Amino acid sequence: MDFNTINLLLKYAKEYGHAKIREAGVSDTEHQISTFLYFHADAYQDMIANSLMLDKTTVAKAILSLEERGLIKRIQNPDNRRKNILNITDAGKKAIAHVVGIYDEWLENIASCLSNEEKEQFRGYCARLLEKAKELSSK
């Protein structure tokens, strides 16, 4: 197995999505956070950082930027005043709707050279590799 191949695939994916994400008026990190909030209501900052494997300071800065532009809203949790509940706004959904699945679109395009059976095998292999990576990361 060659890590360089995986790395190059990721670089091609970012190259594909980067321009379209910029057109939506967000940075790559803001795109990740907005997409997370698009699919997960009532999230917390630490939940976002952990799920996306992003630095908490980076997430805090991106959340502030998104909030200032009205793309997400922050509400104090009534049960724990030290935590804020985060949700994407209607304006945020509208701004990123066309780029929410940009990387899924890219992957579908490059996977078009595979048969349906090969695609299923690939998904299975990736799932197994991800589980092993999580296992190694927790040690």
C-alpha atoms as a PDB file:
ATOM      1  CA  MET A   1       0.000   0.000   0.000  1.00  0.00           C
ATOM      2  CA  ASP A   2       1.340   3.421  -0.935  1.00  0.00           C
ATOM      3  CA  PHE A   3       0.562   6.439   1.262  1.00  0.00           C
ATOM      4  CA  ASN A   4       1.599   8.797  -1.531  1.00  0.00           C
ATOM      5  CA  THR A   5      -1.326   7.563  -3.645  1.00  0.00           C
ATOM      6  CA  ILE A   6      -3.807   8.340  -0.870  1.00  0.00           C
ATOM      7  CA  ASN A   7      -2.180  11.715  -0.295  1.00  0.00           C
ATOM      8  CA  LEU A   8      -2.388  12.587  -3.997  1.00  0.00           C
ATOM      9  CA  LEU A   9      -6.056  11.590  -4.122  1.00  0.00           C
ATOM     10  CA  LEU A  10      -6.751  13.954  -1.218  1.00  0.00           C
ATOM     11  CA  LYS A  11      -4.871  16.765  -2.951  1.00  0.00           C
ATOM     12  CA  TYR A  12      -6.853  16.262  -6.160  1.00  0.00           C
ATOM     13  CA  ALA A  13     -10.081  16.288  -4.149  1.00  0.00           C
ATOM     14  CA  LYS A  14      -9.150  19.534  -2.434  1.00  0.00           C
ATOM     15  CA  GLU A  15      -8.166  21.078  -5.758  1.00  0.00           C
ATOM     16  CA  TYR A  16     -11.579  20.104  -7.170  1.00  0.00           C
ATOM     17  CA  GLY A  17     -13.580  21.459  -4.242  1.00  0.00           C
ATOM     18  CA  HIS A  18     -11.496  24.458  -3.237  1.00  0.00           C
ATOM     19  CA  ALA A  19     -12.647  26.898  -5.935  1.00  0.00           C
ATOM     20  CA  LYS A  20     -16.297  25.946  -5.533  1.00  0.00           C
ATOM     21  CA  ILE A  21     -16.088  26.304  -1.763  1.00  0.00           C
ATOM     22  CA  ARG A  22     -14.536  29.764  -2.145  1.00  0.00           C
ATOM     23  CA  GLU A  23     -17.414  30.759  -4.444  1.00  0.00           C
ATOM     24  CA  ALA A  24     -19.766  29.942  -1.559  1.00  0.00           C
ATOM     25  CA  GLY A  25     -17.906  32.577   0.472  1.00  0.00           C
ATOM     26  CA  VAL A  26     -16.368  30.266   3.056  1.00  0.00           C
ATOM     27  CA  SER A  27     -12.920  28.883   3.807  1.00  0.00           C
ATOM     28  CA  ASP A  28     -12.209  25.157   3.769  1.00  0.00           C
ATOM     29  CA  THR A  29     -12.510  24.966   7.570  1.00  0.00           C
ATOM     30  CA  GLU A  30     -15.727  26.997   7.540  1.00  0.00           C
ATOM     31  CA  HIS A  31     -17.047  24.638   4.858  1.00  0.00           C
ATOM     32  CA  GLN A  32     -16.305  21.618   7.037  1.00  0.00           C
ATOM     33  CA  ILE A  33     -18.031  23.189  10.042  1.00  0.00           C
ATOM     34  CA  SER A  34     -21.008  24.472   8.036  1.00  0.00           C
ATOM     35  CA  THR A  35     -21.469  21.064   6.411  1.00  0.00           C
ATOM     36  CA  PHE A  36     -21.316  19.394   9.823  1.00  0.00           C
ATOM     37  CA  LEU A  37     -23.986  21.787  11.134  1.00  0.00           C
ATOM     38  CA  TYR A  38     -26.033  21.291   7.958  1.00  0.00           C
ATOM     39  CA  PHE A  39     -26.485  17.651   8.981  1.00  0.00           C
ATOM     40  CA  HIS A  40     -26.232  17.898  12.803  1.00  0.00           C
ATOM     41  CA  ALA A  41     -28.553  20.228  14.695  1.00  0.00           C
ATOM     42  CA  ASP A  42     -27.791  21.496  18.191  1.00  0.00           C
ATOM     43  CA  ALA A  43     -24.058  20.798  18.083  1.00  0.00           C
ATOM     44  CA  TYR A  44     -21.378  21.981  20.484  1.00  0.00           C
ATOM     45  CA  GLN A  45     -17.975  23.412  19.640  1.00  0.00           C
ATOM     46  CA  ASP A  46     -16.098  20.487  21.181  1.00  0.00           C
ATOM     47  CA  MET A  47     -18.356  18.025  19.341  1.00  0.00           C
ATOM     48  CA  ILE A  48     -17.455  19.708  16.045  1.00  0.00           C
ATOM     49  CA  ALA A  49     -13.724  19.792  16.832  1.00  0.00           C
ATOM     50  CA  ASN A  50     -13.687  16.119  17.833  1.00  0.00           C
ATOM     51  CA  SER A  51     -15.838  14.898  14.949  1.00  0.00           C
ATOM     52  CA  LEU A  52     -13.836  16.781  12.319  1.00  0.00           C
ATOM     53  CA  MET A  53     -10.485  16.250  14.061  1.00  0.00           C
ATOM     54  CA  LEU A  54      -9.826  19.996  14.093  1.00  0.00           C
ATOM     55  CA  ASP A  55      -7.966  22.094  16.631  1.00  0.00           C
ATOM     56  CA  LYS A  56     -10.374  23.765  19.100  1.00  0.00           C
ATOM     57  CA  THR A  57      -8.846  27.205  18.514  1.00  0.00           C
ATOM     58  CA  THR A  58      -9.278  26.847  14.747  1.00  0.00           C
ATOM     59  CA  VAL A  59     -12.905  25.828  15.272  1.00  0.00           C
ATOM     60  CA  ALA A  60     -13.526  28.756  17.636  1.00  0.00           C
ATOM     61  CA  LYS A  61     -12.174  31.262  15.083  1.00  0.00           C
ATOM     62  CA  ALA A  62     -14.190  29.763  12.243  1.00  0.00           C
ATOM     63  CA  ILE A  63     -17.371  29.704  14.332  1.00  0.00           C
ATOM     64  CA  LEU A  64     -16.914  33.364  15.227  1.00  0.00           C
ATOM     65  CA  SER A  65     -16.431  34.259  11.552  1.00  0.00           C
ATOM     66  CA  LEU A  66     -19.480  32.243  10.472  1.00  0.00           C
ATOM     67  CA  GLU A  67     -21.575  33.752  13.245  1.00  0.00           C
ATOM     68  CA  GLU A  68     -20.532  37.328  12.386  1.00  0.00           C
ATOM     69  CA  ARG A  69     -21.710  36.735   8.805  1.00  0.00           C
ATOM     70  CA  GLY A  70     -25.033  35.265   9.965  1.00  0.00           C
ATOM     71  CA  LEU A  71     -24.320  31.768   8.631  1.00  0.00           C
ATOM     72  CA  ILE A  72     -24.598  30.063  12.014  1.00  0.00           C
ATOM     73  CA  LYS A  73     -26.199  31.009  15.300  1.00  0.00           C
ATOM     74  CA  ARG A  74     -25.021  30.406  18.818  1.00  0.00           C
ATOM     75  CA  ILE A  75     -27.477  29.977  21.712  1.00  0.00           C
ATOM     76  CA  GLN A  76     -26.473  29.505  25.328  1.00  0.00           C
ATOM     77  CA  ASN A  77     -27.416  26.058  26.608  1.00  0.00           C
ATOM     78  CA  PRO A  78     -29.977  26.595  29.402  1.00  0.00           C
ATOM     79  CA  ASP A  79     -28.798  23.398  31.133  1.00  0.00           C
ATOM     80  CA  ASN A  80     -25.095  24.290  31.007  1.00  0.00           C
ATOM     81  CA  ARG A  81     -24.394  27.994  30.653  1.00  0.00           C
ATOM     82  CA  ARG A  82     -20.743  27.351  29.779  1.00  0.00           C
ATOM     83  CA  LYS A  83     -21.712  25.591  26.544  1.00  0.00           C
ATOM     84  CA  ASN A  84     -23.288  27.119  23.471  1.00  0.00           C
ATOM     85  CA  ILE A  85     -25.600  25.277  21.113  1.00  0.00           C
ATOM     86  CA  LEU A  86     -24.672  25.843  17.472  1.00  0.00           C
ATOM     87  CA  ASN A  87     -26.950  25.614  14.449  1.00  0.00           C
ATOM     88  CA  ILE A  88     -26.692  26.648  10.834  1.00  0.00           C
ATOM     89  CA  THR A  89     -29.040  29.466   9.815  1.00  0.00           C
ATOM     90  CA  ASP A  90     -31.255  29.519   6.741  1.00  0.00           C
ATOM     91  CA  ALA A  91     -28.754  31.950   5.187  1.00  0.00           C
ATOM     92  CA  GLY A  92     -25.956  29.488   5.992  1.00  0.00           C
ATOM     93  CA  LYS A  93     -27.866  26.605   4.386  1.00  0.00           C
ATOM     94  CA  LYS A  94     -28.492  28.700   1.298  1.00  0.00           C
ATOM     95  CA  ALA A  95     -24.831  29.784   1.081  1.00  0.00           C
ATOM     96  CA  ILE A  96     -23.417  26.247   1.151  1.00  0.00           C
ATOM     97  CA  ALA A  97     -26.257  24.160  -0.298  1.00  0.00           C
ATOM     98  CA  HIS A  98     -24.461  23.721  -3.622  1.00  0.00           C
ATOM     99  CA  VAL A  99     -21.155  22.683  -1.998  1.00  0.00           C
ATOM    100  CA  VAL A 100     -22.361  20.485   0.879  1.00  0.00           C
ATOM    101  CA  GLY A 101     -21.632  17.323  -1.080  1.00  0.00           C
ATOM    102  CA  ILE A 102     -18.767  18.624  -3.193  1.00  0.00           C
ATOM    103  CA  TYR A 103     -16.328  15.899  -2.125  1.00  0.00           C
ATOM    104  CA  ASP A 104     -18.932  13.149  -2.474  1.00  0.00           C
ATOM    105  CA  GLU A 105     -19.528  14.460  -5.997  1.00  0.00           C
ATOM    106  CA  TRP A 106     -15.786  14.312  -6.714  1.00  0.00           C
ATOM    107  CA  LEU A 107     -15.491  10.786  -5.331  1.00  0.00           C
ATOM    108  CA  GLU A 108     -18.460   9.637  -7.404  1.00  0.00           C
ATOM    109  CA  ASN A 109     -16.806  11.105 -10.506  1.00  0.00           C
ATOM    110  CA  ILE A 110     -13.480   9.368  -9.976  1.00  0.00           C
ATOM    111  CA  ALA A 111     -15.131   6.112  -8.906  1.00  0.00           C
ATOM    112  CA  SER A 112     -17.028   5.975 -12.200  1.00  0.00           C
ATOM    113  CA  CYS A 113     -14.162   3.841 -13.538  1.00  0.00           C
ATOM    114  CA  LEU A 114     -15.093   1.100 -11.038  1.00  0.00           C
ATOM    115  CA  SER A 115     -17.878  -1.456 -11.302  1.00  0.00           C
ATOM    116  CA  ASN A 116     -20.634  -1.414  -8.682  1.00  0.00           C
ATOM    117  CA  GLU A 117     -19.060  -4.465  -7.053  1.00  0.00           C
ATOM    118  CA  GLU A 118     -15.661  -2.739  -6.912  1.00  0.00           C
ATOM    119  CA  LYS A 119     -17.270   0.367  -5.393  1.00  0.00           C
ATOM    120  CA  GLU A 120     -18.829  -1.756  -2.646  1.00  0.00           C
ATOM    121  CA  GLN A 121     -15.513  -3.494  -1.995  1.00  0.00           C
ATOM    122  CA  PHE A 122     -13.767  -0.114  -1.833  1.00  0.00           C
ATOM    123  CA  ARG A 123     -16.336   1.206   0.683  1.00  0.00           C
ATOM    124  CA  GLY A 124     -15.814  -1.891   2.788  1.00  0.00           C
ATOM    125  CA  TYR A 125     -12.037  -1.574   2.671  1.00  0.00           C
ATOM    126  CA  CYS A 126     -12.195   2.116   3.586  1.00  0.00           C
ATOM    127  CA  ALA A 127     -14.523   1.385   6.506  1.00  0.00           C
ATOM    128  CA  ARG A 128     -12.151  -1.276   7.813  1.00  0.00           C
ATOM    129  CA  LEU A 129      -9.124   0.999   7.398  1.00  0.00           C
ATOM    130  CA  LEU A 130     -10.926   3.820   9.195  1.00  0.00           C
ATOM    131  CA  GLU A 131     -11.812   1.550  12.118  1.00  0.00           C
ATOM    132  CA  LYS A 132      -8.179   0.438  12.385  1.00  0.00           C
ATOM    133  CA  ALA A 133      -6.984   4.044  12.226  1.00  0.00           C
ATOM    134  CA  LYS A 134      -9.381   4.961  15.066  1.00  0.00           C
ATOM    135  CA  GLU A 135      -8.167   2.001  17.078  1.00  0.00           C
ATOM    136  CA  LEU A 136      -4.512   2.994  16.615  1.00  0.00           C
ATOM    137  CA  SER A 137      -5.298   6.626  17.384  1.00  0.00           C
ATOM    138  CA  SER A 138      -6.916   5.777  20.708  1.00  0.00           C
ATOM    139  CA  LYS A 139      -3.824   3.849  21.919  1.00  0.00           C
END
